[in-house]
Amino acid sequence: MQTAAETARDALAPAKLAKALDDMYAREGEEFIAWENYNASNTELEARREAYAEAEAELPDVEEAYYTAQYNLDFANSRDEWEAASAAFA
């Protein structure tokens, strides 16, 4: 014959199992979301690195154009030259 404690423990076993399975499924869902976020972040990182490399490749030409325009602005000899040089910054 079972004691009251054994009967209660046996009655709780299915509930504990169900709770454990619910917790496991919840954790698996969280793990899946974290994995998807990780993959999306890696994809975004690669896209940003490519954009950065493109911008870095253009930088020397842009700097040269800027310094040329600044030089022309600094050493303009007339109002017309100054206005033409300042148009490069507009």
C-alpha atoms as a PDB file:
ATOM      1  CA  MET A   1       0.000   0.000   0.000  1.00  0.00           C
ATOM      2  CA  GLN A   2       1.232   3.466  -0.893  1.00  0.00           C
ATOM      3  CA  THR A   3       1.609   6.210   1.613  1.00  0.00           C
ATOM      4  CA  ALA A   4      -0.031   9.570   1.112  1.00  0.00           C
ATOM      5  CA  ALA A   5       3.338  11.112   0.211  1.00  0.00           C
ATOM      6  CA  GLU A   6       3.976   8.505  -2.485  1.00  0.00           C
ATOM      7  CA  THR A   7       0.500   8.984  -3.903  1.00  0.00           C
ATOM      8  CA  ALA A   8       0.982  12.761  -4.018  1.00  0.00           C
ATOM      9  CA  ARG A   9       4.423  12.381  -5.610  1.00  0.00           C
ATOM     10  CA  ASP A  10       3.068  10.023  -8.248  1.00  0.00           C
ATOM     11  CA  ALA A  11       0.228  12.444  -9.007  1.00  0.00           C
ATOM     12  CA  LEU A  12       2.681  15.340  -9.476  1.00  0.00           C
ATOM     13  CA  ALA A  13       5.037  13.449 -11.793  1.00  0.00           C
ATOM     14  CA  PRO A  14       3.046  14.143 -15.019  1.00  0.00           C
ATOM     15  CA  ALA A  15       2.692  17.819 -14.071  1.00  0.00           C
ATOM     16  CA  LYS A  16       6.426  18.114 -13.418  1.00  0.00           C
ATOM     17  CA  LEU A  17       7.176  16.442 -16.734  1.00  0.00           C
ATOM     18  CA  ALA A  18       4.795  18.767 -18.576  1.00  0.00           C
ATOM     19  CA  LYS A  19       6.371  21.803 -16.882  1.00  0.00           C
ATOM     20  CA  ALA A  20       9.859  20.571 -17.745  1.00  0.00           C
ATOM     21  CA  LEU A  21       8.880  20.051 -21.380  1.00  0.00           C
ATOM     22  CA  ASP A  22       7.286  23.515 -21.536  1.00  0.00           C
ATOM     23  CA  ASP A  23      10.474  25.030 -20.150  1.00  0.00           C
ATOM     24  CA  MET A  24      12.570  23.073 -22.635  1.00  0.00           C
ATOM     25  CA  TYR A  25      10.462  24.230 -25.591  1.00  0.00           C
ATOM     26  CA  ALA A  26      10.643  27.820 -24.372  1.00  0.00           C
ATOM     27  CA  ARG A  27      14.449  27.614 -24.107  1.00  0.00           C
ATOM     28  CA  GLU A  28      14.686  26.065 -27.571  1.00  0.00           C
ATOM     29  CA  GLY A  29      12.616  28.953 -28.925  1.00  0.00           C
ATOM     30  CA  GLU A  30      14.904  31.468 -27.231  1.00  0.00           C
ATOM     31  CA  GLU A  31      17.930  29.649 -28.617  1.00  0.00           C
ATOM     32  CA  PHE A  32      16.447  29.754 -32.125  1.00  0.00           C
ATOM     33  CA  ILE A  33      15.746  33.491 -31.860  1.00  0.00           C
ATOM     34  CA  ALA A  34      19.265  34.131 -30.588  1.00  0.00           C
ATOM     35  CA  TRP A  35      20.725  32.099 -33.464  1.00  0.00           C
ATOM     36  CA  GLU A  36      18.650  33.989 -36.032  1.00  0.00           C
ATOM     37  CA  ASN A  37      19.709  37.319 -34.505  1.00  0.00           C
ATOM     38  CA  TYR A  38      23.337  36.199 -34.627  1.00  0.00           C
ATOM     39  CA  ASN A  39      23.064  35.246 -38.303  1.00  0.00           C
ATOM     40  CA  ALA A  40      21.290  38.498 -39.173  1.00  0.00           C
ATOM     41  CA  SER A  41      23.979  40.464 -37.337  1.00  0.00           C
ATOM     42  CA  ASN A  42      26.746  38.669 -39.215  1.00  0.00           C
ATOM     43  CA  THR A  43      25.037  39.393 -42.531  1.00  0.00           C
ATOM     44  CA  GLU A  44      24.638  43.064 -41.587  1.00  0.00           C
ATOM     45  CA  LEU A  45      28.266  43.239 -40.431  1.00  0.00           C
ATOM     46  CA  GLU A  46      29.527  41.935 -43.768  1.00  0.00           C
ATOM     47  CA  ALA A  47      27.375  44.453 -45.659  1.00  0.00           C
ATOM     48  CA  ARG A  48      28.722  47.279 -43.479  1.00  0.00           C
ATOM     49  CA  ARG A  49      32.304  46.128 -44.004  1.00  0.00           C
ATOM     50  CA  GLU A  50      31.801  46.151 -47.772  1.00  0.00           C
ATOM     51  CA  ALA A  51      30.292  49.651 -47.652  1.00  0.00           C
ATOM     52  CA  TYR A  52      33.197  50.817 -45.486  1.00  0.00           C
ATOM     53  CA  ALA A  53      35.741  49.373 -47.918  1.00  0.00           C
ATOM     54  CA  GLU A  54      34.020  51.144 -50.833  1.00  0.00           C
ATOM     55  CA  ALA A  55      34.014  54.447 -48.961  1.00  0.00           C
ATOM     56  CA  GLU A  56      37.630  53.991 -47.965  1.00  0.00           C
ATOM     57  CA  ALA A  57      38.560  53.356 -51.624  1.00  0.00           C
ATOM     58  CA  GLU A  58      36.861  56.625 -52.655  1.00  0.00           C
ATOM     59  CA  LEU A  59      38.438  58.668 -49.866  1.00  0.00           C
ATOM     60  CA  PRO A  60      41.723  59.643 -51.587  1.00  0.00           C
ATOM     61  CA  ASP A  61      39.884  61.097 -54.592  1.00  0.00           C
ATOM     62  CA  VAL A  62      37.428  62.957 -52.399  1.00  0.00           C
ATOM     63  CA  GLU A  63      40.208  64.342 -50.202  1.00  0.00           C
ATOM     64  CA  GLU A  64      42.129  65.500 -53.245  1.00  0.00           C
ATOM     65  CA  ALA A  65      39.066  67.272 -54.634  1.00  0.00           C
ATOM     66  CA  TYR A  66      38.411  68.884 -51.252  1.00  0.00           C
ATOM     67  CA  TYR A  67      41.973  70.162 -50.810  1.00  0.00           C
ATOM     68  CA  THR A  68      42.055  71.447 -54.391  1.00  0.00           C
ATOM     69  CA  ALA A  69      38.802  73.313 -53.852  1.00  0.00           C
ATOM     70  CA  GLN A  70      40.048  74.688 -50.519  1.00  0.00           C
ATOM     71  CA  TYR A  71      43.292  75.839 -52.137  1.00  0.00           C
ATOM     72  CA  ASN A  72      41.379  77.572 -54.935  1.00  0.00           C
ATOM     73  CA  LEU A  73      39.159  79.246 -52.358  1.00  0.00           C
ATOM     74  CA  ASP A  74      42.058  80.375 -50.183  1.00  0.00           C
ATOM     75  CA  PHE A  75      44.036  81.822 -53.065  1.00  0.00           C
ATOM     76  CA  ALA A  76      41.254  83.335 -55.153  1.00  0.00           C
ATOM     77  CA  ASN A  77      42.378  86.668 -56.681  1.00  0.00           C
ATOM     78  CA  SER A  78      38.985  88.085 -57.458  1.00  0.00           C
ATOM     79  CA  ARG A  79      35.398  87.852 -56.385  1.00  0.00           C
ATOM     80  CA  ASP A  80      34.574  85.773 -59.474  1.00  0.00           C
ATOM     81  CA  GLU A  81      37.333  83.277 -58.661  1.00  0.00           C
ATOM     82  CA  TRP A  82      36.207  83.123 -55.023  1.00  0.00           C
ATOM     83  CA  GLU A  83      32.573  82.526 -56.008  1.00  0.00           C
ATOM     84  CA  ALA A  84      33.577  79.827 -58.470  1.00  0.00           C
ATOM     85  CA  ALA A  85      35.765  78.150 -55.838  1.00  0.00           C
ATOM     86  CA  SER A  86      33.082  78.407 -53.136  1.00  0.00           C
ATOM     87  CA  ALA A  87      30.584  76.711 -55.478  1.00  0.00           C
ATOM     88  CA  ALA A  88      32.594  73.499 -55.002  1.00  0.00           C
ATOM     89  CA  PHE A  89      31.534  73.488 -51.338  1.00  0.00           C
ATOM     90  CA  ALA A  90      27.835  74.042 -52.047  1.00  0.00           C
END
